[in-house]
Structures are given as structure tokens and as C-alpha cells.
């Protein structure tokens, strides 16, 4: 995850997990082909 979109959750079994949260609203996913 990019730092600005990183969220952390403490799951019931595996414990701490981090990753990218996509917020509500309009989100674009851009980039080159492939």
C-alpha cells in the first residue's frame, strides 16, 4: 500500500494486518498498459 492510503486492522485470528484502503467516493485506477 502507498503510505497515504494505508490502513491497519487487528483481525480476530491473524492479528494486525495492513493494506490499502480505497475510500468512498470516486476513485480512479490509472497507469500504463500491463
ModelCIF file with pLDDT and N, C-alpha, C, O atoms, coordinates in Angstrom:
data_MODEL
#
_entry.id   MODEL 
#
_entity.id                         1 
_entity.type                       polymer 
_entity.pdbx_number_of_molecules   1 
#
_entity_poly.entity_id                      1 
_entity_poly.type                           'polypeptide(L)' 
_entity_poly.nstd_linkage                   no 
_entity_poly.nstd_monomer                   no 
_entity_poly.pdbx_seq_one_letter_code       
;(UNK)(UNK)(UNK)(UNK)(UNK)(UNK)(UNK)(UNK)(UNK)(UNK)(UNK)(UNK)(UNK)(UNK)(UNK)(UNK)
(UNK)(UNK)(UNK)(UNK)(UNK)(UNK)(UNK)(UNK)(UNK)(UNK)(UNK)(UNK)(UNK)(UNK)(UNK)(UNK)
(UNK)(UNK)
;
_entity_poly.pdbx_seq_one_letter_code_can   XXXXXXXXXXXXXXXXXXXXXXXXXXXXXXXXXX 
_entity_poly.pdbx_strand_id                 A 
#
loop_
_entity_poly_seq.entity_id 
_entity_poly_seq.num 
_entity_poly_seq.mon_id 
_entity_poly_seq.hetero 
1 1  UNK n 
1 2  UNK n 
1 3  UNK n 
1 4  UNK n 
1 5  UNK n 
1 6  UNK n 
1 7  UNK n 
1 8  UNK n 
1 9  UNK n 
1 10 UNK n 
1 11 UNK n 
1 12 UNK n 
1 13 UNK n 
1 14 UNK n 
1 15 UNK n 
1 16 UNK n 
1 17 UNK n 
1 18 UNK n 
1 19 UNK n 
1 20 UNK n 
1 21 UNK n 
1 22 UNK n 
1 23 UNK n 
1 24 UNK n 
1 25 UNK n 
1 26 UNK n 
1 27 UNK n 
1 28 UNK n 
1 29 UNK n 
1 30 UNK n 
1 31 UNK n 
1 32 UNK n 
1 33 UNK n 
1 34 UNK n 
#
_struct_asym.id          A 
_struct_asym.entity_id   1 
#
loop_
_ma_qa_metric.id 
_ma_qa_metric.mode 
_ma_qa_metric.name 
_ma_qa_metric.software_group_id 
_ma_qa_metric.type 
1 global pLDDT . pLDDT 
2 local  pLDDT . pLDDT 
#
_ma_qa_metric_global.metric_id      1 
_ma_qa_metric_global.metric_value   97.00 
_ma_qa_metric_global.model_id       1 
_ma_qa_metric_global.ordinal_id     1 
#
loop_
_ma_qa_metric_local.label_asym_id 
_ma_qa_metric_local.label_comp_id 
_ma_qa_metric_local.label_seq_id 
_ma_qa_metric_local.metric_id 
_ma_qa_metric_local.metric_value 
_ma_qa_metric_local.model_id 
_ma_qa_metric_local.ordinal_id 
A UNK 1  2 98.00 1 1  
A UNK 2  2 98.00 1 2  
A UNK 3  2 97.00 1 3  
A UNK 4  2 97.00 1 4  
A UNK 5  2 98.00 1 5  
A UNK 6  2 98.00 1 6  
A UNK 7  2 98.00 1 7  
A UNK 8  2 98.00 1 8  
A UNK 9  2 98.00 1 9  
A UNK 10 2 98.00 1 10 
A UNK 11 2 98.00 1 11 
A UNK 12 2 98.00 1 12 
A UNK 13 2 98.00 1 13 
A UNK 14 2 96.00 1 14 
A UNK 15 2 97.00 1 15 
A UNK 16 2 98.00 1 16 
A UNK 17 2 98.00 1 17 
A UNK 18 2 98.00 1 18 
A UNK 19 2 98.00 1 19 
A UNK 20 2 98.00 1 20 
A UNK 21 2 98.00 1 21 
A UNK 22 2 98.00 1 22 
A UNK 23 2 98.00 1 23 
A UNK 24 2 97.00 1 24 
A UNK 25 2 97.00 1 25 
A UNK 26 2 98.00 1 26 
A UNK 27 2 98.00 1 27 
A UNK 28 2 98.00 1 28 
A UNK 29 2 98.00 1 29 
A UNK 30 2 97.00 1 30 
A UNK 31 2 95.00 1 31 
A UNK 32 2 92.00 1 32 
A UNK 33 2 91.00 1 33 
A UNK 34 2 88.00 1 34 
#
loop_
_atom_site.group_PDB 
_atom_site.id 
_atom_site.type_symbol 
_atom_site.label_atom_id 
_atom_site.label_alt_id 
_atom_site.label_comp_id 
_atom_site.label_asym_id 
_atom_site.label_entity_id 
_atom_site.label_seq_id 
_atom_site.pdbx_PDB_ins_code 
_atom_site.Cartn_x 
_atom_site.Cartn_y 
_atom_site.Cartn_z 
_atom_site.occupancy 
_atom_site.B_iso_or_equiv 
_atom_site.pdbx_formal_charge 
_atom_site.auth_seq_id 
_atom_site.auth_comp_id 
_atom_site.auth_asym_id 
_atom_site.auth_atom_id 
_atom_site.pdbx_PDB_model_num 
ATOM 1   N N  . UNK A 1 1  ? 0.825   -1.205  0.000   1.00 98.00 ? 1  UNK A N  1 
ATOM 2   C CA . UNK A 1 1  ? 0.000   0.000   0.000   1.00 98.00 ? 1  UNK A CA 1 
ATOM 3   C C  . UNK A 1 1  ? 0.858   1.254   0.000   1.00 98.00 ? 1  UNK A C  1 
ATOM 4   O O  . UNK A 1 1  ? 1.902   1.287   0.651   1.00 98.00 ? 1  UNK A O  1 
ATOM 5   N N  . UNK A 1 2  ? 0.433   2.289   -0.722  1.00 98.00 ? 2  UNK A N  1 
ATOM 6   C CA . UNK A 1 2  ? 1.085   3.599   -0.547  1.00 98.00 ? 2  UNK A CA 1 
ATOM 7   C C  . UNK A 1 2  ? 0.809   4.113   0.856   1.00 98.00 ? 2  UNK A C  1 
ATOM 8   O O  . UNK A 1 2  ? -0.276  3.886   1.390   1.00 98.00 ? 2  UNK A O  1 
ATOM 9   N N  . UNK A 1 3  ? 1.767   4.796   1.461   1.00 97.00 ? 3  UNK A N  1 
ATOM 10  C CA . UNK A 1 3  ? 1.604   5.241   2.854   1.00 97.00 ? 3  UNK A CA 1 
ATOM 11  C C  . UNK A 1 3  ? 0.344   6.061   3.105   1.00 97.00 ? 3  UNK A C  1 
ATOM 12  O O  . UNK A 1 3  ? -0.281  5.926   4.157   1.00 97.00 ? 3  UNK A O  1 
ATOM 13  N N  . UNK A 1 4  ? -0.032  6.907   2.155   1.00 97.00 ? 4  UNK A N  1 
ATOM 14  C CA . UNK A 1 4  ? -1.166  7.808   2.378   1.00 97.00 ? 4  UNK A CA 1 
ATOM 15  C C  . UNK A 1 4  ? -2.506  7.078   2.405   1.00 97.00 ? 4  UNK A C  1 
ATOM 16  O O  . UNK A 1 4  ? -3.491  7.619   2.908   1.00 97.00 ? 4  UNK A O  1 
ATOM 17  N N  . UNK A 1 5  ? -2.555  5.872   1.878   1.00 98.00 ? 5  UNK A N  1 
ATOM 18  C CA . UNK A 1 5  ? -3.804  5.103   1.859   1.00 98.00 ? 5  UNK A CA 1 
ATOM 19  C C  . UNK A 1 5  ? -3.737  3.885   2.773   1.00 98.00 ? 5  UNK A C  1 
ATOM 20  O O  . UNK A 1 5  ? -4.625  3.032   2.741   1.00 98.00 ? 5  UNK A O  1 
ATOM 21  N N  . UNK A 1 6  ? -2.699  3.803   3.578   1.00 98.00 ? 6  UNK A N  1 
ATOM 22  C CA . UNK A 1 6  ? -2.508  2.620   4.420   1.00 98.00 ? 6  UNK A CA 1 
ATOM 23  C C  . UNK A 1 6  ? -3.452  2.633   5.617   1.00 98.00 ? 6  UNK A C  1 
ATOM 24  O O  . UNK A 1 6  ? -3.597  3.636   6.317   1.00 98.00 ? 6  UNK A O  1 
ATOM 25  N N  . UNK A 1 7  ? -4.089  1.481   5.824   1.00 98.00 ? 7  UNK A N  1 
ATOM 26  C CA . UNK A 1 7  ? -4.938  1.257   6.987   1.00 98.00 ? 7  UNK A CA 1 
ATOM 27  C C  . UNK A 1 7  ? -4.428  0.013   7.708   1.00 98.00 ? 7  UNK A C  1 
ATOM 28  O O  . UNK A 1 7  ? -3.841  -0.878  7.093   1.00 98.00 ? 7  UNK A O  1 
ATOM 29  N N  . UNK A 1 8  ? -4.655  -0.034  9.006   1.00 98.00 ? 8  UNK A N  1 
ATOM 30  C CA . UNK A 1 8  ? -4.290  -1.205  9.788   1.00 98.00 ? 8  UNK A CA 1 
ATOM 31  C C  . UNK A 1 8  ? -5.508  -1.700  10.559  1.00 98.00 ? 8  UNK A C  1 
ATOM 32  O O  . UNK A 1 8  ? -6.283  -0.910  11.097  1.00 98.00 ? 8  UNK A O  1 
ATOM 33  N N  . UNK A 1 9  ? -5.664  -3.018  10.602  1.00 98.00 ? 9  UNK A N  1 
ATOM 34  C CA . UNK A 1 9  ? -6.766  -3.636  11.330  1.00 98.00 ? 9  UNK A CA 1 
ATOM 35  C C  . UNK A 1 9  ? -6.209  -4.779  12.181  1.00 98.00 ? 9  UNK A C  1 
ATOM 36  O O  . UNK A 1 9  ? -5.233  -5.431  11.810  1.00 98.00 ? 9  UNK A O  1 
ATOM 37  N N  . UNK A 1 10 ? -6.837  -5.000  13.304  1.00 98.00 ? 10 UNK A N  1 
ATOM 38  C CA . UNK A 1 10 ? -6.441  -6.091  14.190  1.00 98.00 ? 10 UNK A CA 1 
ATOM 39  C C  . UNK A 1 10 ? -7.470  -7.210  14.066  1.00 98.00 ? 10 UNK A C  1 
ATOM 40  O O  . UNK A 1 10 ? -8.495  -7.203  14.747  1.00 98.00 ? 10 UNK A O  1 
ATOM 41  N N  . UNK A 1 11 ? -7.184  -8.167  13.193  1.00 98.00 ? 11 UNK A N  1 
ATOM 42  C CA . UNK A 1 11 ? -8.135  -9.239  12.877  1.00 98.00 ? 11 UNK A CA 1 
ATOM 43  C C  . UNK A 1 11 ? -8.298  -10.194 14.058  1.00 98.00 ? 11 UNK A C  1 
ATOM 44  O O  . UNK A 1 11 ? -7.396  -10.306 14.888  1.00 98.00 ? 11 UNK A O  1 
ATOM 45  N N  . UNK A 1 12 ? -9.437  -10.883 14.144  1.00 98.00 ? 12 UNK A N  1 
ATOM 46  C CA . UNK A 1 12 ? -9.688  -11.785 15.276  1.00 98.00 ? 12 UNK A CA 1 
ATOM 47  C C  . UNK A 1 12 ? -8.669  -12.913 15.401  1.00 98.00 ? 12 UNK A C  1 
ATOM 48  O O  . UNK A 1 12 ? -8.379  -13.356 16.512  1.00 98.00 ? 12 UNK A O  1 
ATOM 49  N N  . UNK A 1 13 ? -8.120  -13.384 14.280  1.00 98.00 ? 13 UNK A N  1 
ATOM 50  C CA . UNK A 1 13 ? -7.247  -14.556 14.321  1.00 98.00 ? 13 UNK A CA 1 
ATOM 51  C C  . UNK A 1 13 ? -5.797  -14.245 13.973  1.00 98.00 ? 13 UNK A C  1 
ATOM 52  O O  . UNK A 1 13 ? -4.888  -14.589 14.729  1.00 98.00 ? 13 UNK A O  1 
ATOM 53  N N  . UNK A 1 14 ? -5.577  -13.599 12.837  1.00 96.00 ? 14 UNK A N  1 
ATOM 54  C CA . UNK A 1 14 ? -4.211  -13.357 12.400  1.00 96.00 ? 14 UNK A CA 1 
ATOM 55  C C  . UNK A 1 14 ? -3.594  -12.119 13.043  1.00 96.00 ? 14 UNK A C  1 
ATOM 56  O O  . UNK A 1 14 ? -2.390  -11.892 12.923  1.00 96.00 ? 14 UNK A O  1 
ATOM 57  N N  . UNK A 1 15 ? -4.411  -11.319 13.722  1.00 97.00 ? 15 UNK A N  1 
ATOM 58  C CA . UNK A 1 15 ? -3.894  -10.137 14.381  1.00 97.00 ? 15 UNK A CA 1 
ATOM 59  C C  . UNK A 1 15 ? -3.747  -8.967  13.426  1.00 97.00 ? 15 UNK A C  1 
ATOM 60  O O  . UNK A 1 15 ? -4.597  -8.759  12.560  1.00 97.00 ? 15 UNK A O  1 
ATOM 61  N N  . UNK A 1 16 ? -2.666  -8.197  13.579  1.00 98.00 ? 16 UNK A N  1 
ATOM 62  C CA . UNK A 1 16 ? -2.502  -6.955  12.833  1.00 98.00 ? 16 UNK A CA 1 
ATOM 63  C C  . UNK A 1 16 ? -2.290  -7.224  11.345  1.00 98.00 ? 16 UNK A C  1 
ATOM 64  O O  . UNK A 1 16 ? -1.474  -8.057  10.952  1.00 98.00 ? 16 UNK A O  1 
ATOM 65  N N  . UNK A 1 17 ? -3.049  -6.494  10.536  1.00 98.00 ? 17 UNK A N  1 
ATOM 66  C CA . UNK A 1 17 ? -2.912  -6.580  9.089   1.00 98.00 ? 17 UNK A CA 1 
ATOM 67  C C  . UNK A 1 17 ? -2.972  -5.156  8.533   1.00 98.00 ? 17 UNK A C  1 
ATOM 68  O O  . UNK A 1 17 ? -3.786  -4.344  8.972   1.00 98.00 ? 17 UNK A O  1 
ATOM 69  N N  . UNK A 1 18 ? -2.104  -4.863  7.567   1.00 98.00 ? 18 UNK A N  1 
ATOM 70  C CA . UNK A 1 18 ? -2.086  -3.540  6.948   1.00 98.00 ? 18 UNK A CA 1 
ATOM 71  C C  . UNK A 1 18 ? -2.368  -3.683  5.465   1.00 98.00 ? 18 UNK A C  1 
ATOM 72  O O  . UNK A 1 18 ? -2.215  -4.760  4.889   1.00 98.00 ? 18 UNK A O  1 
ATOM 73  N N  . UNK A 1 19 ? -2.782  -2.584  4.855   1.00 98.00 ? 19 UNK A N  1 
ATOM 74  C CA . UNK A 1 19 ? -3.047  -2.613  3.428   1.00 98.00 ? 19 UNK A CA 1 
ATOM 75  C C  . UNK A 1 19 ? -3.645  -1.309  2.948   1.00 98.00 ? 19 UNK A C  1 
ATOM 76  O O  . UNK A 1 19 ? -3.771  -0.351  3.711   1.00 98.00 ? 19 UNK A O  1 
ATOM 77  N N  . UNK A 1 20 ? -4.008  -1.280  1.693   1.00 98.00 ? 20 UNK A N  1 
ATOM 78  C CA . UNK A 1 20 ? -4.556  -0.077  1.071   1.00 98.00 ? 20 UNK A CA 1 
ATOM 79  C C  . UNK A 1 20 ? -6.069  -0.034  1.232   1.00 98.00 ? 20 UNK A C  1 
ATOM 80  O O  . UNK A 1 20 ? -6.781  -0.957  0.836   1.00 98.00 ? 20 UNK A O  1 
ATOM 81  N N  . UNK A 1 21 ? -6.538  1.051   1.817   1.00 98.00 ? 21 UNK A N  1 
ATOM 82  C CA . UNK A 1 21 ? -7.969  1.281   1.899   1.00 98.00 ? 21 UNK A CA 1 
ATOM 83  C C  . UNK A 1 21 ? -8.410  2.211   0.787   1.00 98.00 ? 21 UNK A C  1 
ATOM 84  O O  . UNK A 1 21 ? -7.826  3.279   0.605   1.00 98.00 ? 21 UNK A O  1 
ATOM 85  N N  . UNK A 1 22 ? -9.436  1.820   0.039   1.00 98.00 ? 22 UNK A N  1 
ATOM 86  C CA . UNK A 1 22 ? -9.988  2.679   -1.009  1.00 98.00 ? 22 UNK A CA 1 
ATOM 87  C C  . UNK A 1 22 ? -11.198 3.391   -0.442  1.00 98.00 ? 22 UNK A C  1 
ATOM 88  O O  . UNK A 1 22 ? -12.189 2.742   -0.107  1.00 98.00 ? 22 UNK A O  1 
ATOM 89  N N  . UNK A 1 23 ? -11.144 4.726   -0.325  1.00 98.00 ? 23 UNK A N  1 
ATOM 90  C CA . UNK A 1 23 ? -12.223 5.457   0.342   1.00 98.00 ? 23 UNK A CA 1 
ATOM 91  C C  . UNK A 1 23 ? -13.476 5.560   -0.524  1.00 98.00 ? 23 UNK A C  1 
ATOM 92  O O  . UNK A 1 23 ? -13.431 5.399   -1.743  1.00 98.00 ? 23 UNK A O  1 
ATOM 93  N N  . UNK A 1 24 ? -14.583 5.832   0.141   1.00 97.00 ? 24 UNK A N  1 
ATOM 94  C CA . UNK A 1 24 ? -15.828 6.102   -0.572  1.00 97.00 ? 24 UNK A CA 1 
ATOM 95  C C  . UNK A 1 24 ? -15.638 7.322   -1.459  1.00 97.00 ? 24 UNK A C  1 
ATOM 96  O O  . UNK A 1 24 ? -14.815 8.192   -1.175  1.00 97.00 ? 24 UNK A O  1 
ATOM 97  N N  . UNK A 1 25 ? -16.405 7.371   -2.528  1.00 97.00 ? 25 UNK A N  1 
ATOM 98  C CA . UNK A 1 25 ? -16.297 8.466   -3.485  1.00 97.00 ? 25 UNK A CA 1 
ATOM 99  C C  . UNK A 1 25 ? -15.948 7.936   -4.858  1.00 97.00 ? 25 UNK A C  1 
ATOM 100 O O  . UNK A 1 25 ? -16.290 6.805   -5.201  1.00 97.00 ? 25 UNK A O  1 
ATOM 101 N N  . UNK A 1 26 ? -15.274 8.743   -5.634  1.00 98.00 ? 26 UNK A N  1 
ATOM 102 C CA . UNK A 1 26 ? -14.882 8.359   -6.990  1.00 98.00 ? 26 UNK A CA 1 
ATOM 103 C C  . UNK A 1 26 ? -13.378 8.121   -6.995  1.00 98.00 ? 26 UNK A C  1 
ATOM 104 O O  . UNK A 1 26 ? -12.590 9.023   -6.713  1.00 98.00 ? 26 UNK A O  1 
ATOM 105 N N  . UNK A 1 27 ? -13.002 6.903   -7.316  1.00 98.00 ? 27 UNK A N  1 
ATOM 106 C CA . UNK A 1 27 ? -11.591 6.506   -7.328  1.00 98.00 ? 27 UNK A CA 1 
ATOM 107 C C  . UNK A 1 27 ? -11.186 6.106   -8.735  1.00 98.00 ? 27 UNK A C  1 
ATOM 108 O O  . UNK A 1 27 ? -11.861 5.303   -9.380  1.00 98.00 ? 27 UNK A O  1 
ATOM 109 N N  . UNK A 1 28 ? -10.080 6.671   -9.211  1.00 98.00 ? 28 UNK A N  1 
ATOM 110 C CA . UNK A 1 28 ? -9.503  6.266   -10.490 1.00 98.00 ? 28 UNK A CA 1 
ATOM 111 C C  . UNK A 1 28 ? -8.313  5.362   -10.232 1.00 98.00 ? 28 UNK A C  1 
ATOM 112 O O  . UNK A 1 28 ? -7.514  5.611   -9.330  1.00 98.00 ? 28 UNK A O  1 
ATOM 113 N N  . UNK A 1 29 ? -8.201  4.302   -11.039 1.00 98.00 ? 29 UNK A N  1 
ATOM 114 C CA . UNK A 1 29 ? -7.000  3.470   -11.070 1.00 98.00 ? 29 UNK A CA 1 
ATOM 115 C C  . UNK A 1 29 ? -6.364  3.705   -12.434 1.00 98.00 ? 29 UNK A C  1 
ATOM 116 O O  . UNK A 1 29 ? -6.929  3.330   -13.462 1.00 98.00 ? 29 UNK A O  1 
ATOM 117 N N  . UNK A 1 30 ? -5.189  4.324   -12.441 1.00 97.00 ? 30 UNK A N  1 
ATOM 118 C CA . UNK A 1 30 ? -4.535  4.709   -13.688 1.00 97.00 ? 30 UNK A CA 1 
ATOM 119 C C  . UNK A 1 30 ? -3.192  3.993   -13.796 1.00 97.00 ? 30 UNK A C  1 
ATOM 120 O O  . UNK A 1 30 ? -2.773  3.294   -12.874 1.00 97.00 ? 30 UNK A O  1 
ATOM 121 N N  . UNK A 1 31 ? -2.522  4.176   -14.937 1.00 95.00 ? 31 UNK A N  1 
ATOM 122 C CA . UNK A 1 31 ? -1.206  3.575   -15.136 1.00 95.00 ? 31 UNK A CA 1 
ATOM 123 C C  . UNK A 1 31 ? -1.037  3.089   -16.557 1.00 95.00 ? 31 UNK A C  1 
ATOM 124 O O  . UNK A 1 31 ? -1.986  3.075   -17.341 1.00 95.00 ? 31 UNK A O  1 
ATOM 125 N N  . UNK A 1 32 ? 0.160   2.696   -16.876 1.00 92.00 ? 32 UNK A N  1 
ATOM 126 C CA . UNK A 1 32 ? 0.445   2.195   -18.212 1.00 92.00 ? 32 UNK A CA 1 
ATOM 127 C C  . UNK A 1 32 ? -0.142  0.821   -18.439 1.00 92.00 ? 32 UNK A C  1 
ATOM 128 O O  . UNK A 1 32 ? -0.559  0.141   -17.501 1.00 92.00 ? 32 UNK A O  1 
ATOM 129 N N  . UNK A 1 33 ? -0.169  0.418   -19.709 1.00 91.00 ? 33 UNK A N  1 
ATOM 130 C CA . UNK A 1 33 ? -0.684  -0.901  -20.056 1.00 91.00 ? 33 UNK A CA 1 
ATOM 131 C C  . UNK A 1 33 ? 0.149   -2.002  -19.429 1.00 91.00 ? 33 UNK A C  1 
ATOM 132 O O  . UNK A 1 33 ? 1.374   -1.901  -19.351 1.00 91.00 ? 33 UNK A O  1 
ATOM 133 N N  . UNK A 1 34 ? -0.533  -3.073  -18.976 1.00 88.00 ? 34 UNK A N  1 
ATOM 134 C CA . UNK A 1 34 ? 0.111   -4.275  -18.413 1.00 88.00 ? 34 UNK A CA 1 
ATOM 135 C C  . UNK A 1 34 ? 0.800   -4.021  -17.074 1.00 88.00 ? 34 UNK A C  1 
ATOM 136 O O  . UNK A 1 34 ? 1.377   -4.939  -16.494 1.00 88.00 ? 34 UNK A O  1 
#
